Structures are given as structure tokens and as C-alpha cells.
């Protein structure tokens, strides 16, 4: 279907002010291609339940900086 719609290509999740291969960008990577379908009302409920949700994102990035690319690659071998 992607070929028919001419949507083939490489997708990159890259945070603002980062380089494509910065470890912080790995917080958005999955082992396999994945499509997230999110319901707006579910997002609103999650935001209400976790008003400081940005803290989660920042902690994830801090963890990846500590682990580094070598640590990430080691974890992905398991």
C-alpha cells in the first residue's frame, strides 16, 4: 500500500536542536516498524493524569545519554 501511495522512504524522528544520530532521538525508535493509532480522548485523559508528562520524556533522554550508543546496542542484542 505504501508503494501504491508513493509513501516509501526513510522516516526519521529527530528532536529539535539535535543531530540525526544523537542518542536522545533513540527514545522514539522501535525494534520493528510500528504505527501508533492514538485516540484524542485517550491523549487528553493521559495529559490530565500526568500533567508533568514532559518530565518522562526528559528522564528518558537522560537515561539514554548515560547508557550511550554502546549501551543501547548491547541492550538491543538481547
C-alpha atoms as a PDB file:
ATOM      1  CA  UNK A   1       0.000   0.000   0.000  1.00  0.00           C
ATOM      2  CA  UNK A   2       2.864   2.389   0.802  1.00  0.00           C
ATOM      3  CA  UNK A   3       4.273   1.808  -2.669  1.00  0.00           C
ATOM      4  CA  UNK A   4       0.886   2.459  -4.273  1.00  0.00           C
ATOM      5  CA  UNK A   5       0.538   5.711  -2.366  1.00  0.00           C
ATOM      6  CA  UNK A   6       4.166   6.597  -3.144  1.00  0.00           C
ATOM      7  CA  UNK A   7       4.907   6.979   0.552  1.00  0.00           C
ATOM      8  CA  UNK A   8       8.082   4.930   0.541  1.00  0.00           C
ATOM      9  CA  UNK A   9      11.171   6.363   2.087  1.00  0.00           C
ATOM     10  CA  UNK A  10      13.009   6.738   5.311  1.00  0.00           C
ATOM     11  CA  UNK A  11      11.334   8.343   8.282  1.00  0.00           C
ATOM     12  CA  UNK A  12      13.398   9.997  10.952  1.00  0.00           C
ATOM     13  CA  UNK A  13      12.290  11.085  14.367  1.00  0.00           C
ATOM     14  CA  UNK A  14      14.623  13.850  15.312  1.00  0.00           C
ATOM     15  CA  UNK A  15      14.232  16.315  18.128  1.00  0.00           C
ATOM     16  CA  UNK A  16      14.765  19.996  17.567  1.00  0.00           C
ATOM     17  CA  UNK A  17      18.369  21.096  18.069  1.00  0.00           C
ATOM     18  CA  UNK A  18      19.704  17.548  17.703  1.00  0.00           C
ATOM     19  CA  UNK A  19      21.670  15.690  15.080  1.00  0.00           C
ATOM     20  CA  UNK A  20      20.059  12.685  13.331  1.00  0.00           C
ATOM     21  CA  UNK A  21      22.192  10.132  15.204  1.00  0.00           C
ATOM     22  CA  UNK A  22      22.083  11.763  18.659  1.00  0.00           C
ATOM     23  CA  UNK A  23      21.230   9.173  21.309  1.00  0.00           C
ATOM     24  CA  UNK A  24      18.294  11.295  22.543  1.00  0.00           C
ATOM     25  CA  UNK A  25      16.473  10.545  19.301  1.00  0.00           C
ATOM     26  CA  UNK A  26      16.509   6.835  20.148  1.00  0.00           C
ATOM     27  CA  UNK A  27      13.651   7.410  22.617  1.00  0.00           C
ATOM     28  CA  UNK A  28      11.366   7.364  19.572  1.00  0.00           C
ATOM     29  CA  UNK A  29      12.764   4.245  17.947  1.00  0.00           C
ATOM     30  CA  UNK A  30      11.228   0.801  17.907  1.00  0.00           C
ATOM     31  CA  UNK A  31      12.811  -2.545  17.084  1.00  0.00           C
ATOM     32  CA  UNK A  32      10.310  -3.030  14.280  1.00  0.00           C
ATOM     33  CA  UNK A  33       8.295  -0.616  12.145  1.00  0.00           C
ATOM     34  CA  UNK A  34       5.277   0.427  14.141  1.00  0.00           C
ATOM     35  CA  UNK A  35       2.244   2.597  13.640  1.00  0.00           C
ATOM     36  CA  UNK A  36       0.653   4.246  16.638  1.00  0.00           C
ATOM     37  CA  UNK A  37      -3.036   4.998  16.427  1.00  0.00           C
ATOM     38  CA  UNK A  38      -3.965   7.336  19.239  1.00  0.00           C
ATOM     39  CA  UNK A  39      -7.439   8.444  20.158  1.00  0.00           C
ATOM     40  CA  UNK A  40      -7.666  12.126  21.012  1.00  0.00           C
ATOM     41  CA  UNK A  41      -9.761  11.494  24.110  1.00  0.00           C
ATOM     42  CA  UNK A  42      -7.174   8.988  25.341  1.00  0.00           C
ATOM     43  CA  UNK A  43      -4.436  11.577  24.930  1.00  0.00           C
ATOM     44  CA  UNK A  44      -6.485  14.144  26.833  1.00  0.00           C
ATOM     45  CA  UNK A  45      -7.018  11.683  29.691  1.00  0.00           C
ATOM     46  CA  UNK A  46      -3.313  10.869  29.809  1.00  0.00           C
ATOM     47  CA  UNK A  47      -2.367  14.552  29.889  1.00  0.00           C
ATOM     48  CA  UNK A  48      -4.841  15.129  32.712  1.00  0.00           C
ATOM     49  CA  UNK A  49      -3.471  12.155  34.654  1.00  0.00           C
ATOM     50  CA  UNK A  50       0.180  13.138  34.089  1.00  0.00           C
ATOM     51  CA  UNK A  51       0.331  16.942  33.934  1.00  0.00           C
ATOM     52  CA  UNK A  52       4.139  16.831  34.018  1.00  0.00           C
ATOM     53  CA  UNK A  53       4.401  14.334  31.160  1.00  0.00           C
ATOM     54  CA  UNK A  54       7.351  16.247  29.709  1.00  0.00           C
ATOM     55  CA  UNK A  55       9.358  15.072  32.714  1.00  0.00           C
ATOM     56  CA  UNK A  56       9.022  11.481  31.441  1.00  0.00           C
ATOM     57  CA  UNK A  57      10.478  12.477  28.090  1.00  0.00           C
ATOM     58  CA  UNK A  58      13.362  14.327  29.748  1.00  0.00           C
ATOM     59  CA  UNK A  59      14.148  11.373  32.065  1.00  0.00           C
ATOM     60  CA  UNK A  60      14.154   9.027  29.075  1.00  0.00           C
ATOM     61  CA  UNK A  61      16.652  11.235  27.283  1.00  0.00           C
ATOM     62  CA  UNK A  62      18.853  11.494  30.381  1.00  0.00           C
ATOM     63  CA  UNK A  63      18.859   7.709  30.704  1.00  0.00           C
ATOM     64  CA  UNK A  64      19.919   7.276  27.084  1.00  0.00           C
ATOM     65  CA  UNK A  65      22.709   9.822  27.489  1.00  0.00           C
ATOM     66  CA  UNK A  66      24.005   7.791  30.466  1.00  0.00           C
ATOM     67  CA  UNK A  67      23.732   4.467  28.622  1.00  0.00           C
ATOM     68  CA  UNK A  68      25.172   5.848  25.375  1.00  0.00           C
ATOM     69  CA  UNK A  69      25.111   4.261  21.956  1.00  0.00           C
ATOM     70  CA  UNK A  70      27.262   1.309  23.024  1.00  0.00           C
ATOM     71  CA  UNK A  71      24.885   0.537  25.898  1.00  0.00           C
ATOM     72  CA  UNK A  72      21.871   0.875  23.615  1.00  0.00           C
ATOM     73  CA  UNK A  73      23.392  -1.533  21.095  1.00  0.00           C
ATOM     74  CA  UNK A  74      24.144  -4.019  23.880  1.00  0.00           C
ATOM     75  CA  UNK A  75      20.557  -3.863  25.115  1.00  0.00           C
ATOM     76  CA  UNK A  76      19.231  -4.471  21.607  1.00  0.00           C
ATOM     77  CA  UNK A  77      21.242  -7.705  21.318  1.00  0.00           C
ATOM     78  CA  UNK A  78      19.098  -9.342  23.998  1.00  0.00           C
END
